[in-house]
């Protein structure tokens, strides 16, 4: 549990450090790291982890479903992650992290329309609590990134976060449907081919971009924190798998909720994000609802 928290908190720290800073010694004052470049690096890393797990489990490296079945997941997952990174150019890390907790709302919407799922009253109560807390956070204090002084950039950040929620909710729903419709698809097989397709798309999208060339020059010169972020993510994946295997998904969900709260605290301390009293109330309300959701699963069992 401690190892997971250390890796995830480190990943959050490096994510904010990379996306809010400029790197290198270009004449124009430095390079901002491309979001697509980070997504491509992450997908290549996830592919390596998936191949290792498949070899250990002696599973097949061949796609367990037609590649077309992975396309929608790969595209929406790529878009969601790109929006997650890009939002940090416009809104603060606490705002981005808290906004991500609201993804259960689009998941429920997509589940209703695509999978014809029905949700219980407690699910709607938790969603309402998270929405209320997030709204309170947004309305009672500063939400823009420290380097951003224009209100239009804050609005852009809100639009990008909405896109993140849209695509992330779609990804989770379609992944669940793929597992249900095709029993032969394993977690690792899906992770491998979703990562492969995402890496190909992001690589193609980066071709010819001046930002990509400047990014690679900066990384080659050791100007960014990509190595730290990559190491944190690789460690995170390994410890997550071990925890789910030994303690189950329920405790893992609790740890992830705790990680999000601690990430906000850490960001406020290190990067000096001022939060108002109303924002702290909204934050506590959101995470209180998420812990309540975990408690509901315990009572159900």
Protein backbone atom coordinates (compact mmCIF):
# COMPACT_ATOMS: atom_id res chain seq x y z
CA UNK A 1 0.00 0.00 0.00
CA UNK A 2 2.81 2.39 0.91
CA UNK A 3 4.66 1.59 -2.32
CA UNK A 4 1.55 2.35 -4.39
CA UNK A 5 1.03 5.68 -2.64
CA UNK A 6 4.68 6.67 -3.13
CA UNK A 7 4.58 5.79 -6.84
CA UNK A 8 1.23 7.46 -7.51
CA UNK A 9 2.11 10.62 -5.58
CA UNK A 10 5.43 10.78 -7.41
CA UNK A 11 3.62 10.35 -10.72
CA UNK A 12 1.25 13.20 -9.85
CA UNK A 13 4.17 15.41 -8.86
CA UNK A 14 6.11 14.77 -12.07
CA UNK A 15 2.95 15.17 -14.15
CA UNK A 16 2.37 18.66 -12.76
CA UNK A 17 6.06 19.53 -12.94
CA UNK A 18 6.33 18.49 -16.60
CA UNK A 19 3.11 20.05 -17.86
CA UNK A 20 3.42 23.39 -16.06
CA UNK A 21 7.12 24.00 -16.70
CA UNK A 22 9.29 24.89 -19.67
CA UNK A 23 12.45 22.95 -20.44
CA UNK A 24 15.61 23.36 -22.42
CA UNK A 25 17.51 26.47 -23.50
CA UNK A 26 15.74 27.49 -26.67
CA UNK A 27 16.05 31.14 -27.65
CA UNK A 28 12.31 31.60 -27.22
CA UNK A 29 12.58 30.74 -23.56
CA UNK A 30 12.20 26.99 -23.33
CA UNK A 31 10.05 24.13 -24.55
CA UNK A 32 6.70 22.90 -23.26
CA UNK A 33 6.43 19.14 -23.36
CA UNK A 34 3.88 17.83 -25.88
CA UNK A 35 0.87 16.07 -24.34
CA UNK A 36 0.77 13.65 -27.28
CA UNK A 37 4.42 12.81 -26.71
CA UNK A 38 3.72 11.93 -23.06
CA UNK A 39 0.74 9.80 -24.05
CA UNK A 40 2.88 7.91 -26.58
CA UNK A 41 5.57 7.28 -23.93
CA UNK A 42 2.96 6.03 -21.45
CA UNK A 43 1.40 3.68 -23.98
CA UNK A 44 4.76 2.22 -24.93
CA UNK A 45 5.41 1.63 -21.22
CA UNK A 46 2.03 -0.05 -20.73
CA UNK A 47 2.72 -2.29 -23.74
CA UNK A 48 5.98 -3.44 -22.16
CA UNK A 49 4.21 -4.26 -18.90
CA UNK A 50 1.45 -6.11 -20.78
CA UNK A 51 3.95 -8.21 -22.76
CA UNK A 52 5.79 -9.11 -19.54
CA UNK A 53 2.55 -10.14 -17.82
CA UNK A 54 1.44 -12.19 -20.84
CA UNK A 55 4.78 -14.03 -20.89
CA UNK A 56 4.56 -14.76 -17.16
CA UNK A 57 0.99 -16.03 -17.51
CA UNK A 58 1.86 -17.85 -20.75
CA UNK A 59 -1.01 -16.16 -22.50
CA UNK A 60 -1.16 -15.54 -26.23
CA UNK A 61 0.48 -12.51 -27.77
CA UNK A 62 -1.98 -12.63 -30.66
CA UNK A 63 -5.03 -10.35 -30.45
CA UNK A 64 -7.89 -12.15 -28.68
CA UNK A 65 -10.41 -10.07 -30.64
CA UNK A 66 -10.38 -8.33 -34.02
CA UNK A 67 -8.25 -5.19 -33.93
CA UNK A 68 -11.34 -3.18 -34.85
CA UNK A 69 -12.77 -4.11 -31.44
CA UNK A 70 -9.89 -2.27 -29.77
CA UNK A 71 -10.00 0.83 -31.98
CA UNK A 72 -12.74 2.77 -30.18
CA UNK A 73 -11.12 2.07 -26.80
CA UNK A 74 -7.67 3.07 -28.05
CA UNK A 75 -8.91 6.34 -29.54
CA UNK A 76 -11.06 7.40 -26.59
CA UNK A 77 -8.36 6.39 -24.10
CA UNK A 78 -5.78 8.40 -26.02
CA UNK A 79 -8.08 11.44 -26.13
CA UNK A 80 -8.90 11.18 -22.42
CA UNK A 81 -5.25 10.99 -21.37
CA UNK A 82 -4.25 13.81 -23.71
CA UNK A 83 -7.00 16.03 -22.29
CA UNK A 84 -5.91 15.12 -18.76
CA UNK A 85 -2.38 16.35 -19.45
CA UNK A 86 -3.39 19.35 -21.54
CA UNK A 87 -5.80 20.64 -18.86
CA UNK A 88 -2.86 21.38 -16.58
CA UNK A 89 -1.83 24.19 -18.89
CA UNK A 90 -5.07 25.99 -18.01
CA UNK A 91 -6.27 24.86 -14.56
CA UNK A 92 -4.48 23.99 -11.34
CA UNK A 93 -3.57 20.41 -10.43
CA UNK A 94 -6.07 20.30 -7.49
CA UNK A 95 -8.82 21.40 -9.90
CA UNK A 96 -7.82 18.76 -12.45
CA UNK A 97 -7.60 16.00 -9.83
CA UNK A 98 -10.95 16.86 -8.27
CA UNK A 99 -12.56 17.13 -11.70
CA UNK A 100 -11.38 13.62 -12.53
CA UNK A 101 -13.35 12.22 -9.59
CA UNK A 102 -16.56 13.25 -11.37
CA UNK A 103 -16.01 10.68 -14.11
CA UNK A 104 -18.55 8.35 -12.50
CA UNK A 105 -21.26 10.65 -13.86
CA UNK A 106 -20.41 10.18 -17.59
CA UNK A 107 -19.77 6.49 -16.88
CA UNK A 108 -23.36 6.20 -15.62
CA UNK A 109 -24.66 8.14 -18.63
CA UNK A 110 -22.73 6.01 -21.13
CA UNK A 111 -23.72 2.84 -19.25
CA UNK A 112 -27.39 3.77 -19.49
CA UNK A 113 -27.31 4.47 -23.25
CA UNK A 114 -24.75 1.94 -24.49
CA UNK A 115 -25.12 -0.99 -22.08
CA UNK A 116 -28.71 -0.41 -20.93
CA UNK A 117 -27.52 -0.61 -17.34
CA UNK A 118 -29.71 0.41 -14.42
CA UNK A 119 -28.25 2.08 -11.34
CA UNK A 120 -29.51 2.09 -7.78
CA UNK A 121 -30.50 5.08 -5.70
CA UNK A 122 -27.23 5.01 -3.75
CA UNK A 123 -25.28 5.36 -7.00
CA UNK A 124 -27.22 8.50 -7.89
CA UNK A 125 -26.75 9.87 -4.34
CA UNK A 126 -22.98 9.40 -4.55
CA UNK A 127 -22.92 11.01 -8.01
CA UNK A 128 -24.98 13.94 -6.72
CA UNK A 129 -22.62 14.39 -3.76
CA UNK A 130 -19.54 14.36 -6.00
CA UNK A 131 -21.17 16.86 -8.37
CA UNK A 132 -22.12 19.16 -5.49
CA UNK A 133 -18.62 19.04 -4.01
CA UNK A 134 -16.96 19.68 -7.37
CA UNK A 135 -19.29 22.60 -8.09
CA UNK A 136 -18.59 24.08 -4.67
CA UNK A 137 -14.85 23.79 -5.33
CA UNK A 138 -15.15 25.54 -8.69
CA UNK A 139 -17.30 28.41 -7.42
CA UNK A 140 -15.59 29.30 -4.15
CA UNK A 141 -11.95 29.89 -5.06
CA UNK A 142 -9.23 30.10 -7.72
CA UNK A 143 -9.08 27.24 -10.21
CA UNK A 144 -6.77 28.50 -12.95
CA UNK A 145 -3.14 27.47 -13.34
CA UNK A 146 -0.67 29.77 -11.55
CA UNK A 147 0.93 30.92 -14.80
CA UNK A 148 -2.48 31.66 -16.35
CA UNK A 149 -4.04 35.05 -15.62
CA UNK A 150 -6.62 35.16 -18.44
CA UNK A 151 -10.16 34.02 -17.58
CA UNK A 152 -10.49 32.67 -21.13
CA UNK A 153 -7.77 30.11 -20.44
CA UNK A 154 -9.68 28.93 -17.36
CA UNK A 155 -12.75 28.44 -19.56
CA UNK A 156 -10.58 26.48 -22.00
CA UNK A 157 -9.41 24.29 -19.11
CA UNK A 158 -13.03 23.59 -18.17
CA UNK A 159 -13.80 22.57 -21.76
CA UNK A 160 -10.77 20.26 -21.87
CA UNK A 161 -11.76 18.65 -18.54
CA UNK A 162 -15.29 18.11 -19.88
CA UNK A 163 -13.76 16.39 -22.92
CA UNK A 164 -11.66 14.23 -20.58
CA UNK A 165 -14.77 13.14 -18.65
CA UNK A 166 -16.62 12.44 -21.91
CA UNK A 167 -13.91 10.25 -23.40
CA UNK A 168 -12.90 8.56 -20.13
CA UNK A 169 -16.48 7.57 -19.36
CA UNK A 170 -16.85 6.18 -22.88
CA UNK A 171 -13.59 4.21 -22.52
CA UNK A 172 -14.64 2.48 -19.28
CA UNK A 173 -18.05 1.57 -20.66
CA UNK A 174 -16.74 0.12 -23.94
CA UNK A 175 -13.98 -1.79 -22.11
CA UNK A 176 -16.56 -3.38 -19.83
CA UNK A 177 -18.70 -4.28 -22.82
CA UNK A 178 -15.74 -5.84 -24.64
CA UNK A 179 -14.95 -8.05 -21.63
CA UNK A 180 -18.60 -9.08 -21.43
CA UNK A 181 -19.07 -9.82 -25.15
CA UNK A 182 -15.71 -11.51 -25.68
CA UNK A 183 -14.82 -13.71 -22.73
CA UNK A 184 -11.50 -14.69 -24.29
CA UNK A 185 -10.14 -11.13 -24.03
CA UNK A 186 -7.84 -10.85 -21.01
CA UNK A 187 -6.89 -7.64 -19.23
CA UNK A 188 -3.32 -7.92 -20.50
CA UNK A 189 -4.29 -8.69 -24.08
CA UNK A 190 -6.53 -5.63 -24.16
CA UNK A 191 -3.85 -3.50 -22.50
CA UNK A 192 -1.29 -4.58 -25.12
CA UNK A 193 -3.35 -3.85 -28.22
CA UNK A 194 -5.03 -0.72 -26.91
CA UNK A 195 -1.54 0.56 -26.06
CA UNK A 196 -0.23 -0.44 -29.49
CA UNK A 197 -3.00 1.33 -31.39
CA UNK A 198 -2.77 4.41 -29.18
CA UNK A 199 1.01 4.57 -29.64
CA UNK A 200 0.63 4.32 -33.42
CA UNK A 201 -2.01 7.08 -33.52
CA UNK A 202 -0.06 9.43 -31.25
CA UNK A 203 3.14 8.73 -33.16
CA UNK A 204 1.40 9.56 -36.42
CA UNK A 205 -0.09 12.70 -34.89
CA UNK A 206 3.35 13.85 -33.79
CA UNK A 207 4.99 13.39 -37.17
CA UNK A 208 6.01 16.73 -38.60
CA UNK A 209 5.13 18.68 -35.43
CA UNK A 210 7.74 21.25 -34.53
CA UNK A 211 6.71 20.81 -30.91
CA UNK A 212 7.62 17.12 -31.14
CA UNK A 213 11.08 17.87 -32.53
CA UNK A 214 11.72 20.41 -29.82
CA UNK A 215 10.41 18.00 -27.18
CA UNK A 216 12.69 15.18 -28.25
CA UNK A 217 15.69 17.53 -28.32
CA UNK A 218 14.86 18.67 -24.81
CA UNK A 219 14.41 15.11 -23.51
CA UNK A 220 17.66 14.02 -25.15
CA UNK A 221 19.38 16.84 -23.34
CA UNK A 222 17.97 15.74 -19.99
CA UNK A 223 15.89 18.88 -19.61
CA UNK A 224 12.62 17.31 -18.40
CA UNK A 225 11.28 15.05 -15.70
CA UNK A 226 10.04 12.35 -18.06
CA UNK A 227 12.38 9.70 -16.65
CA UNK A 228 11.07 10.27 -13.14
CA UNK A 229 7.49 10.11 -14.35
CA UNK A 230 8.19 6.94 -16.33
CA UNK A 231 9.86 5.19 -13.40
CA UNK A 232 6.98 6.18 -11.11
CA UNK A 233 4.41 4.84 -13.57
CA UNK A 234 6.23 1.52 -14.07
CA UNK A 235 6.49 1.04 -10.32
CA UNK A 236 2.84 2.00 -9.94
CA UNK A 237 1.69 -0.66 -12.42
CA UNK A 238 3.67 -3.42 -10.70
CA UNK A 239 2.54 -2.57 -7.16
CA UNK A 240 -1.09 -2.16 -8.28
CA UNK A 241 -1.10 -5.66 -9.76
CA UNK A 242 0.40 -7.12 -6.60
CA UNK A 243 -2.13 -5.33 -4.40
CA UNK A 244 -5.15 -6.40 -6.43
CA UNK A 245 -3.87 -9.98 -6.40
CA UNK A 246 -3.21 -10.11 -2.66
CA UNK A 247 -5.88 -7.78 -1.20
CA UNK A 248 -8.57 -7.38 -3.84
CA UNK A 249 -10.09 -4.56 -5.85
CA UNK A 250 -12.04 -3.06 -2.94
CA UNK A 251 -8.99 -2.08 -0.89
CA UNK A 252 -7.36 -0.90 -4.10
CA UNK A 253 -10.29 1.46 -4.74
CA UNK A 254 -9.88 2.88 -1.24
CA UNK A 255 -6.16 3.40 -1.77
CA UNK A 256 -6.80 5.19 -5.08
CA UNK A 257 -9.30 7.53 -3.44
CA UNK A 258 -6.80 8.29 -0.68
CA UNK A 259 -4.12 8.89 -3.29
CA UNK A 260 -6.22 11.55 -5.03
CA UNK A 261 -6.79 13.40 -1.77
CA UNK A 262 -3.11 13.21 -0.84
CA UNK A 263 -2.14 14.37 -4.34
CA UNK A 264 -4.16 17.54 -3.83
CA UNK A 265 -2.52 18.14 -0.44
CA UNK A 266 0.95 17.52 -1.86
CA UNK A 267 0.34 19.83 -4.81
CA UNK A 268 -0.93 22.60 -2.54
CA UNK A 269 2.21 22.32 -0.40
CA UNK A 270 4.86 21.94 -3.12
CA UNK A 271 3.40 24.13 -5.85
CA UNK A 272 1.72 26.60 -3.47
CA UNK A 273 -1.86 26.38 -4.73
CA UNK A 274 -4.08 28.46 -2.42
CA UNK A 275 -7.44 26.84 -1.63
CA UNK A 276 -10.28 28.72 0.01
CA UNK A 277 -12.36 27.38 2.87
CA UNK A 278 -15.20 26.59 0.47
CA UNK A 279 -12.85 24.63 -1.76
CA UNK A 280 -11.66 22.53 1.17
CA UNK A 281 -15.30 21.83 2.09
CA UNK A 282 -16.01 20.81 -1.51
CA UNK A 283 -12.92 18.58 -1.56
CA UNK A 284 -13.91 16.83 1.68
CA UNK A 285 -17.47 16.36 0.38
CA UNK A 286 -16.24 14.74 -2.83
CA UNK A 287 -13.90 12.30 -1.12
CA UNK A 288 -16.42 11.60 1.63
CA UNK A 289 -18.86 10.48 -1.08
CA UNK A 290 -16.20 8.33 -2.74
CA UNK A 291 -15.41 6.60 0.55
CA UNK A 292 -19.15 6.12 1.04
CA UNK A 293 -19.30 4.42 -2.34
CA UNK A 294 -16.60 1.99 -1.18
CA UNK A 295 -18.52 1.40 2.05
CA UNK A 296 -21.65 0.54 0.04
CA UNK A 297 -19.71 -2.26 -1.65
CA UNK A 298 -18.61 -3.58 1.75
CA UNK A 299 -22.18 -3.63 3.06
CA UNK A 300 -23.37 -5.32 -0.13
CA UNK A 301 -20.97 -8.17 0.51
